[in-house]
C-alpha atoms as a PDB file:
ATOM      1  CA  UNK A   1       0.153   0.283  -0.142  1.00  0.00           C
ATOM      2  CA  UNK A   2       1.325   3.561  -1.114  1.00  0.00           C
ATOM      3  CA  UNK A   3       0.296   6.957   0.576  1.00  0.00           C
ATOM      4  CA  UNK A   4       1.670  10.242  -0.589  1.00  0.00           C
ATOM      5  CA  UNK A   5       1.735  13.623   0.231  1.00  0.00           C
ATOM      6  CA  UNK A   6       1.663  16.775  -2.179  1.00  0.00           C
ATOM      7  CA  UNK A   7       1.487  20.567  -1.772  1.00  0.00           C
ATOM      8  CA  UNK A   8       0.006  21.317  -5.273  1.00  0.00           C
ATOM      9  CA  UNK A   9      -0.120  25.125  -4.880  1.00  0.00           C
ATOM     10  CA  UNK A  10      -3.308  25.537  -7.035  1.00  0.00           C
ATOM     11  CA  UNK A  11      -5.501  22.213  -7.799  1.00  0.00           C
ATOM     12  CA  UNK A  12      -7.217  24.143 -10.800  1.00  0.00           C
ATOM     13  CA  UNK A  13      -3.812  25.066 -12.059  1.00  0.00           C
ATOM     14  CA  UNK A  14      -2.236  21.774 -11.598  1.00  0.00           C
ATOM     15  CA  UNK A  15      -4.994  19.021 -12.040  1.00  0.00           C
ATOM     16  CA  UNK A  16      -3.677  17.761 -15.337  1.00  0.00           C
ATOM     17  CA  UNK A  17      -0.259  17.267 -13.467  1.00  0.00           C
ATOM     18  CA  UNK A  18      -1.852  15.488 -10.784  1.00  0.00           C
ATOM     19  CA  UNK A  19      -3.912  13.217 -13.021  1.00  0.00           C
ATOM     20  CA  UNK A  20      -0.833  12.453 -14.855  1.00  0.00           C
ATOM     21  CA  UNK A  21       1.320  11.789 -11.645  1.00  0.00           C
ATOM     22  CA  UNK A  22      -1.814   9.491 -10.505  1.00  0.00           C
ATOM     23  CA  UNK A  23      -1.613   7.345 -13.734  1.00  0.00           C
ATOM     24  CA  UNK A  24       2.143   7.040 -13.347  1.00  0.00           C
ATOM     25  CA  UNK A  25       1.966   6.285  -9.957  1.00  0.00           C
ATOM     26  CA  UNK A  26      -1.093   4.807  -8.552  1.00  0.00           C
ATOM     27  CA  UNK A  27      -0.871   5.458  -4.979  1.00  0.00           C
ATOM     28  CA  UNK A  28      -3.910   4.247  -2.475  1.00  0.00           C
ATOM     29  CA  UNK A  29      -4.413   7.391  -0.803  1.00  0.00           C
ATOM     30  CA  UNK A  30      -2.938  11.284  -1.525  1.00  0.00           C
ATOM     31  CA  UNK A  31      -2.958  13.791   0.478  1.00  0.00           C
ATOM     32  CA  UNK A  32      -3.218  17.415  -0.992  1.00  0.00           C
ATOM     33  CA  UNK A  33      -2.288  20.830   0.089  1.00  0.00           C
ATOM     34  CA  UNK A  34      -3.091  24.456  -0.836  1.00  0.00           C
ATOM     35  CA  UNK A  35      -5.913  23.732  -3.407  1.00  0.00           C
ATOM     36  CA  UNK A  36      -6.334  27.565  -3.457  1.00  0.00           C
ATOM     37  CA  UNK A  37     -10.535  26.968  -4.666  1.00  0.00           C
ATOM     38  CA  UNK A  38     -13.629  26.935  -2.923  1.00  0.00           C
ATOM     39  CA  UNK A  39     -15.433  23.584  -2.342  1.00  0.00           C
ATOM     40  CA  UNK A  40     -17.971  24.094  -5.264  1.00  0.00           C
ATOM     41  CA  UNK A  41     -14.949  24.271  -7.549  1.00  0.00           C
ATOM     42  CA  UNK A  42     -13.591  20.791  -6.364  1.00  0.00           C
ATOM     43  CA  UNK A  43     -12.881  18.453  -9.371  1.00  0.00           C
ATOM     44  CA  UNK A  44     -14.888  15.572  -8.082  1.00  0.00           C
ATOM     45  CA  UNK A  45     -15.687  14.070 -11.332  1.00  0.00           C
ATOM     46  CA  UNK A  46     -12.513  14.199 -13.110  1.00  0.00           C
ATOM     47  CA  UNK A  47     -10.835  12.475 -10.108  1.00  0.00           C
ATOM     48  CA  UNK A  48     -13.449   9.806  -9.764  1.00  0.00           C
ATOM     49  CA  UNK A  49     -13.108   9.213 -13.602  1.00  0.00           C
ATOM     50  CA  UNK A  50      -9.505   8.464 -12.652  1.00  0.00           C
ATOM     51  CA  UNK A  51     -10.473   5.865  -9.931  1.00  0.00           C
ATOM     52  CA  UNK A  52     -10.052   7.825  -6.801  1.00  0.00           C
ATOM     53  CA  UNK A  53     -12.816   8.896  -4.268  1.00  0.00           C
ATOM     54  CA  UNK A  54     -12.771  12.492  -2.625  1.00  0.00           C
ATOM     55  CA  UNK A  55     -12.939  14.366   0.431  1.00  0.00           C
ATOM     56  CA  UNK A  56     -11.937  18.079   0.423  1.00  0.00           C
ATOM     57  CA  UNK A  57     -12.026  21.285   2.347  1.00  0.00           C
ATOM     58  CA  UNK A  58     -11.430  24.049   0.005  1.00  0.00           C
ATOM     59  CA  UNK A  59     -10.863  27.871   0.561  1.00  0.00           C
ATOM     60  CA  UNK A  60     -11.056  30.743  -1.651  1.00  0.00           C
ATOM     61  CA  UNK A  61      -7.643  31.673  -3.062  1.00  0.00           C
ATOM     62  CA  UNK A  62      -5.996  30.225  -0.038  1.00  0.00           C
ATOM     63  CA  UNK A  63      -5.594  27.069   1.864  1.00  0.00           C
ATOM     64  CA  UNK A  64      -7.423  24.086   1.107  1.00  0.00           C
ATOM     65  CA  UNK A  65      -6.818  20.593   1.618  1.00  0.00           C
ATOM     66  CA  UNK A  66      -7.909  16.800   0.135  1.00  0.00           C
ATOM     67  CA  UNK A  67      -7.528  13.245   0.632  1.00  0.00           C
ATOM     68  CA  UNK A  68      -7.926  11.152  -2.417  1.00  0.00           C
ATOM     69  CA  UNK A  69      -8.330   7.439  -1.992  1.00  0.00           C
ATOM     70  CA  UNK A  70      -9.127   3.992  -4.152  1.00  0.00           C
ATOM     71  CA  UNK A  71     -11.385   2.826  -1.398  1.00  0.00           C
ATOM     72  CA  UNK A  72     -14.350   5.126   0.427  1.00  0.00           C
ATOM     73  CA  UNK A  73     -13.356   7.604   3.058  1.00  0.00           C
ATOM     74  CA  UNK A  74     -15.013   6.965   6.149  1.00  0.00           C
ATOM     75  CA  UNK A  75     -15.322   9.440   9.432  1.00  0.00           C
ATOM     76  CA  UNK A  76     -13.917  12.389   7.733  1.00  0.00           C
ATOM     77  CA  UNK A  77     -13.390  15.561   9.813  1.00  0.00           C
ATOM     78  CA  UNK A  78     -12.626  18.937   8.724  1.00  0.00           C
ATOM     79  CA  UNK A  79      -9.970  21.473  10.844  1.00  0.00           C
ATOM     80  CA  UNK A  80      -9.200  20.881  14.339  1.00  0.00           C
ATOM     81  CA  UNK A  81     -11.831  20.154  16.250  1.00  0.00           C
ATOM     82  CA  UNK A  82     -12.790  22.636  19.443  1.00  0.00           C
ATOM     83  CA  UNK A  83     -10.133  24.983  17.854  1.00  0.00           C
ATOM     84  CA  UNK A  84     -11.459  27.587  16.164  1.00  0.00           C
ATOM     85  CA  UNK A  85     -10.234  28.444  12.723  1.00  0.00           C
ATOM     86  CA  UNK A  86     -11.616  30.270   9.855  1.00  0.00           C
ATOM     87  CA  UNK A  87      -8.694  28.655   7.550  1.00  0.00           C
ATOM     88  CA  UNK A  88      -8.983  25.387   5.728  1.00  0.00           C
ATOM     89  CA  UNK A  89      -5.910  23.502   6.853  1.00  0.00           C
ATOM     90  CA  UNK A  90      -6.784  19.732   7.883  1.00  0.00           C
ATOM     91  CA  UNK A  91      -9.322  17.032   6.649  1.00  0.00           C
ATOM     92  CA  UNK A  92      -8.630  13.414   8.190  1.00  0.00           C
ATOM     93  CA  UNK A  93     -10.540  10.423   7.303  1.00  0.00           C
ATOM     94  CA  UNK A  94     -10.513   6.405   7.598  1.00  0.00           C
ATOM     95  CA  UNK A  95      -9.911   4.101   4.803  1.00  0.00           C
ATOM     96  CA  UNK A  96     -10.224   0.379   5.046  1.00  0.00           C
ATOM     97  CA  UNK A  97      -7.101  -1.775   4.200  1.00  0.00           C
ATOM     98  CA  UNK A  98      -6.453  -5.529   4.592  1.00  0.00           C
ATOM     99  CA  UNK A  99      -4.870  -4.931   7.400  1.00  0.00           C
ATOM    100  CA  UNK A 100      -7.672  -3.086   8.995  1.00  0.00           C
ATOM    101  CA  UNK A 101      -8.710   0.614   9.182  1.00  0.00           C
ATOM    102  CA  UNK A 102      -6.179   3.216   8.669  1.00  0.00           C
ATOM    103  CA  UNK A 103      -6.778   7.054   9.923  1.00  0.00           C
ATOM    104  CA  UNK A 104      -5.116   9.428   7.562  1.00  0.00           C
ATOM    105  CA  UNK A 105      -4.778  12.866   8.838  1.00  0.00           C
ATOM    106  CA  UNK A 106      -3.845  15.578   6.335  1.00  0.00           C
ATOM    107  CA  UNK A 107      -2.541  19.111   7.283  1.00  0.00           C
ATOM    108  CA  UNK A 108      -1.325  22.281   5.376  1.00  0.00           C
ATOM    109  CA  UNK A 109       0.581  23.481   8.783  1.00  0.00           C
ATOM    110  CA  UNK A 110       0.541  27.556   9.209  1.00  0.00           C
ATOM    111  CA  UNK A 111       3.640  29.240   7.352  1.00  0.00           C
ATOM    112  CA  UNK A 112       4.342  31.487  10.217  1.00  0.00           C
ATOM    113  CA  UNK A 113       5.818  34.075   8.139  1.00  0.00           C
ATOM    114  CA  UNK A 114       8.615  35.392  10.864  1.00  0.00           C
ATOM    115  CA  UNK A 115       9.615  34.928  14.494  1.00  0.00           C
ATOM    116  CA  UNK A 116       7.869  37.825  16.231  1.00  0.00           C
ATOM    117  CA  UNK A 117       4.702  38.414  13.951  1.00  0.00           C
ATOM    118  CA  UNK A 118       1.487  37.523  14.826  1.00  0.00           C
ATOM    119  CA  UNK A 119       1.263  34.541  12.176  1.00  0.00           C
ATOM    120  CA  UNK A 120       4.150  32.868  13.864  1.00  0.00           C
ATOM    121  CA  UNK A 121       2.035  33.429  17.514  1.00  0.00           C
ATOM    122  CA  UNK A 122      -0.895  31.995  15.434  1.00  0.00           C
ATOM    123  CA  UNK A 123       1.277  29.149  13.983  1.00  0.00           C
ATOM    124  CA  UNK A 124       2.491  28.004  17.507  1.00  0.00           C
ATOM    125  CA  UNK A 125      -1.152  27.878  18.927  1.00  0.00           C
ATOM    126  CA  UNK A 126      -2.248  25.955  15.929  1.00  0.00           C
ATOM    127  CA  UNK A 127       0.390  23.298  16.499  1.00  0.00           C
ATOM    128  CA  UNK A 128      -0.235  23.437  20.344  1.00  0.00           C
ATOM    129  CA  UNK A 129      -4.141  22.497  19.112  1.00  0.00           C
ATOM    130  CA  UNK A 130      -2.784  19.861  16.723  1.00  0.00           C
ATOM    131  CA  UNK A 131      -0.734  18.022  19.162  1.00  0.00           C
ATOM    132  CA  UNK A 132      -3.786  17.421  21.534  1.00  0.00           C
ATOM    133  CA  UNK A 133      -6.170  17.107  18.814  1.00  0.00           C
ATOM    134  CA  UNK A 134      -3.884  13.940  17.183  1.00  0.00           C
ATOM    135  CA  UNK A 135      -2.834  12.602  20.802  1.00  0.00           C
ATOM    136  CA  UNK A 136      -6.508  11.984  20.917  1.00  0.00           C
ATOM    137  CA  UNK A 137      -6.885  10.307  17.419  1.00  0.00           C
ATOM    138  CA  UNK A 138      -3.735   8.109  18.215  1.00  0.00           C
ATOM    139  CA  UNK A 139      -5.903   6.989  21.299  1.00  0.00           C
ATOM    140  CA  UNK A 140      -8.488   6.205  19.142  1.00  0.00           C
ATOM    141  CA  UNK A 141      -6.749   4.827  15.877  1.00  0.00           C
ATOM    142  CA  UNK A 142      -3.735   2.513  16.431  1.00  0.00           C
ATOM    143  CA  UNK A 143      -2.857   2.730  12.709  1.00  0.00           C
ATOM    144  CA  UNK A 144      -2.574   6.431  12.158  1.00  0.00           C
ATOM    145  CA  UNK A 145      -0.759   8.351   9.369  1.00  0.00           C
ATOM    146  CA  UNK A 146      -0.617  12.106   9.564  1.00  0.00           C
ATOM    147  CA  UNK A 147       1.235  13.773   6.339  1.00  0.00           C
ATOM    148  CA  UNK A 148       1.165  17.150   4.379  1.00  0.00           C
ATOM    149  CA  UNK A 149       3.325  20.403   4.477  1.00  0.00           C
ATOM    150  CA  UNK A 150       4.541  20.502   7.724  1.00  0.00           C
ATOM    151  CA  UNK A 151       6.245  24.011   6.904  1.00  0.00           C
ATOM    152  CA  UNK A 152       9.264  22.881   9.649  1.00  0.00           C
ATOM    153  CA  UNK A 153      12.771  21.879   8.464  1.00  0.00           C
ATOM    154  CA  UNK A 154      13.579  19.240  11.707  1.00  0.00           C
ATOM    155  CA  UNK A 155      17.010  19.553  11.470  1.00  0.00           C
ATOM    156  CA  UNK A 156      19.771  20.747  10.087  1.00  0.00           C
ATOM    157  CA  UNK A 157      20.022  18.314   7.126  1.00  0.00           C
ATOM    158  CA  UNK A 158      16.687  19.159   6.090  1.00  0.00           C
ATOM    159  CA  UNK A 159      17.751  22.963   4.893  1.00  0.00           C
ATOM    160  CA  UNK A 160      20.176  23.540   2.254  1.00  0.00           C
ATOM    161  CA  UNK A 161      21.420  26.649   4.299  1.00  0.00           C
ATOM    162  CA  UNK A 162      21.167  26.112   8.056  1.00  0.00           C
ATOM    163  CA  UNK A 163      23.651  28.026   9.234  1.00  0.00           C
ATOM    164  CA  UNK A 164      22.476  31.361   6.932  1.00  0.00           C
ATOM    165  CA  UNK A 165      18.617  30.344   7.815  1.00  0.00           C
ATOM    166  CA  UNK A 166      19.639  29.654  11.652  1.00  0.00           C
ATOM    167  CA  UNK A 167      16.443  30.702  13.547  1.00  0.00           C
ATOM    168  CA  UNK A 168      14.150  32.147  10.442  1.00  0.00           C
ATOM    169  CA  UNK A 169      11.056  30.483   9.240  1.00  0.00           C
ATOM    170  CA  UNK A 170      10.769  27.145   9.371  1.00  0.00           C
ATOM    171  CA  UNK A 171      13.984  26.387  11.343  1.00  0.00           C
ATOM    172  CA  UNK A 172      13.562  28.057  14.688  1.00  0.00           C
ATOM    173  CA  UNK A 173      13.654  26.208  17.846  1.00  0.00           C
ATOM    174  CA  UNK A 174      10.005  26.759  18.636  1.00  0.00           C
ATOM    175  CA  UNK A 175       8.872  24.565  15.545  1.00  0.00           C
ATOM    176  CA  UNK A 176      11.142  22.145  16.067  1.00  0.00           C
ATOM    177  CA  UNK A 177      10.208  21.754  19.538  1.00  0.00           C
ATOM    178  CA  UNK A 178       6.617  21.105  18.283  1.00  0.00           C
ATOM    179  CA  UNK A 179       7.740  18.395  15.390  1.00  0.00           C
ATOM    180  CA  UNK A 180       9.741  16.650  18.391  1.00  0.00           C
ATOM    181  CA  UNK A 181       6.400  16.819  20.490  1.00  0.00           C
ATOM    182  CA  UNK A 182       4.329  15.189  17.693  1.00  0.00           C
ATOM    183  CA  UNK A 183       6.926  12.539  17.421  1.00  0.00           C
ATOM    184  CA  UNK A 184       6.921  12.096  20.890  1.00  0.00           C
ATOM    185  CA  UNK A 185       3.387  11.067  20.847  1.00  0.00           C
ATOM    186  CA  UNK A 186       4.609   7.498  19.278  1.00  0.00           C
ATOM    187  CA  UNK A 187       4.820   9.036  15.787  1.00  0.00           C
ATOM    188  CA  UNK A 188       7.977   8.122  13.389  1.00  0.00           C
ATOM    189  CA  UNK A 189       8.973   9.999  10.797  1.00  0.00           C
ATOM    190  CA  UNK A 190       9.080   7.637   7.952  1.00  0.00           C
ATOM    191  CA  UNK A 191      11.906   9.391   5.812  1.00  0.00           C
ATOM    192  CA  UNK A 192      14.055   9.097   8.342  1.00  0.00           C
ATOM    193  CA  UNK A 193      13.833   5.399   8.730  1.00  0.00           C
ATOM    194  CA  UNK A 194      15.788   4.477   6.002  1.00  0.00           C
ATOM    195  CA  UNK A 195      19.222   5.896   4.715  1.00  0.00           C
ATOM    196  CA  UNK A 196      18.866   8.863   2.635  1.00  0.00           C
ATOM    197  CA  UNK A 197      20.973  10.739  -0.295  1.00  0.00           C
ATOM    198  CA  UNK A 198      22.142  14.111   1.511  1.00  0.00           C
ATOM    199  CA  UNK A 199      20.875  17.568   0.575  1.00  0.00           C
ATOM    200  CA  UNK A 200      17.007  15.605  -0.145  1.00  0.00           C
ATOM    201  CA  UNK A 201      14.447  18.248  -0.211  1.00  0.00           C
ATOM    202  CA  UNK A 202      10.725  18.707  -1.067  1.00  0.00           C
ATOM    203  CA  UNK A 203      10.103  22.320  -1.476  1.00  0.00           C
ATOM    204  CA  UNK A 204      12.470  24.770  -3.647  1.00  0.00           C
ATOM    205  CA  UNK A 205      12.079  28.548  -4.107  1.00  0.00           C
ATOM    206  CA  UNK A 206      10.850  29.613  -7.615  1.00  0.00           C
ATOM    207  CA  UNK A 207      12.923  32.285  -7.348  1.00  0.00           C
ATOM    208  CA  UNK A 208      16.826  32.319  -8.067  1.00  0.00           C
ATOM    209  CA  UNK A 209      17.214  29.021  -9.559  1.00  0.00           C
ATOM    210  CA  UNK A 210      16.264  27.262  -6.359  1.00  0.00           C
ATOM    211  CA  UNK A 211      15.475  23.881  -7.968  1.00  0.00           C
ATOM    212  CA  UNK A 212      18.157  23.817 -10.545  1.00  0.00           C
ATOM    213  CA  UNK A 213      20.690  24.850  -7.463  1.00  0.00           C
ATOM    214  CA  UNK A 214      19.319  22.219  -5.372  1.00  0.00           C
ATOM    215  CA  UNK A 215      18.620  25.445  -2.509  1.00  0.00           C
ATOM    216  CA  UNK A 216      15.767  23.408  -1.111  1.00  0.00           C
ATOM    217  CA  UNK A 217      14.096  22.534   2.334  1.00  0.00           C
ATOM    218  CA  UNK A 218      12.475  18.927   3.459  1.00  0.00           C
ATOM    219  CA  UNK A 219       9.377  20.529   5.493  1.00  0.00           C
ATOM    220  CA  UNK A 220       6.837  18.035   3.921  1.00  0.00           C
ATOM    221  CA  UNK A 221       6.457  14.879   6.035  1.00  0.00           C
ATOM    222  CA  UNK A 222       4.879  11.675   6.566  1.00  0.00           C
ATOM    223  CA  UNK A 223       4.767  10.600  10.398  1.00  0.00           C
ATOM    224  CA  UNK A 224       3.402   6.994  10.932  1.00  0.00           C
ATOM    225  CA  UNK A 225       2.154   5.026  14.464  1.00  0.00           C
ATOM    226  CA  UNK A 226       4.044   3.003  16.064  1.00  0.00           C
ATOM    227  CA  UNK A 227       1.623   0.085  15.024  1.00  0.00           C
ATOM    228  CA  UNK A 228       2.128   1.096  11.348  1.00  0.00           C
ATOM    229  CA  UNK A 229       6.368   1.289  11.797  1.00  0.00           C
ATOM    230  CA  UNK A 230       7.138  -2.166  11.382  1.00  0.00           C
ATOM    231  CA  UNK A 231       5.178  -2.437   7.872  1.00  0.00           C
ATOM    232  CA  UNK A 232       7.169   0.826   6.438  1.00  0.00           C
ATOM    233  CA  UNK A 233       9.074  -0.680   3.867  1.00  0.00           C
ATOM    234  CA  UNK A 234      10.122   2.955   1.756  1.00  0.00           C
ATOM    235  CA  UNK A 235       9.703   6.331   1.896  1.00  0.00           C
ATOM    236  CA  UNK A 236      10.723   8.498  -1.022  1.00  0.00           C
ATOM    237  CA  UNK A 237      10.779  11.964  -2.486  1.00  0.00           C
ATOM    238  CA  UNK A 238       9.506  11.954  -5.875  1.00  0.00           C
ATOM    239  CA  UNK A 239      11.523  14.955  -7.641  1.00  0.00           C
ATOM    240  CA  UNK A 240      10.377  14.278 -11.179  1.00  0.00           C
ATOM    241  CA  UNK A 241       6.941  16.583 -10.908  1.00  0.00           C
ATOM    242  CA  UNK A 242       9.181  19.598  -9.798  1.00  0.00           C
ATOM    243  CA  UNK A 243      10.450  19.395 -13.427  1.00  0.00           C
ATOM    244  CA  UNK A 244       6.855  20.345 -14.995  1.00  0.00           C
ATOM    245  CA  UNK A 245       5.958  22.909 -16.311  1.00  0.00           C
ATOM    246  CA  UNK A 246       4.756  25.587 -14.340  1.00  0.00           C
ATOM    247  CA  UNK A 247       5.407  22.992 -11.505  1.00  0.00           C
ATOM    248  CA  UNK A 248       4.081  23.054  -7.714  1.00  0.00           C
ATOM    249  CA  UNK A 249       7.184  24.575  -5.722  1.00  0.00           C
ATOM    250  CA  UNK A 250       6.755  21.455  -3.789  1.00  0.00           C
ATOM    251  CA  UNK A 251       6.832  17.820  -5.061  1.00  0.00           C
ATOM    252  CA  UNK A 252       5.208  14.400  -3.835  1.00  0.00           C
ATOM    253  CA  UNK A 253       6.430  12.290  -0.620  1.00  0.00           C
ATOM    254  CA  UNK A 254       5.419   8.602  -1.132  1.00  0.00           C
ATOM    255  CA  UNK A 255       5.598   6.050   1.708  1.00  0.00           C
ATOM    256  CA  UNK A 256       5.011   2.428   1.379  1.00  0.00           C
ATOM    257  CA  UNK A 257       3.529   0.140   3.423  1.00  0.00           C
ATOM    258  CA  UNK A 258       4.050  -3.802   3.438  1.00  0.00           C
END
């Protein structure tokens, strides 16, 4: 079974790229972030024709998340319960597998802009609310995956310039502490379960030849629960879509469960 996460940076613009990627990489579940469209504009029919059930949570111009699955998506939750938030950042659902139900939480984490700003304060509050909710979800769902654009580079090796970018957004001690707290709930960063190439990133700035010079960050992650960890056989970053014409600035991360 394969699950993937991809910040698509406008589904209306990049739906053909998503369909092309799914045809070449028929994953069982795909979490999308930054849909940048309202619910009525979601391309349900096109994805259904491609063989995928969908659950989505859109927002005009910004944010928006969706789950695509080859099997029906049950018990869908949108946003963090009991955390008032006008932004569409979280969607969760359960899919049935031969090994039992699998809970999938797909998130577009707050960017935060810069330390010391209101947006950074919002990010830290949002992260705290997420951690409390994920803890509850883990108590109810032994087999759980949380994926998405975390907007956090967890370690120095996840940044092309950890010295120059020290204490800037995505690199702060506070953000990294929150990432570690998620792991402390009993989750594992699937990508770091395996030996990986150096300078492996999932996001590159459009400016200054970021991709061509590999000036990137690993900020897209898939975390798996303890019950799933033994079944993880691979986790990879697929750089190919970043080479597309008019690509997203992110590229898919894929985990394989045996």
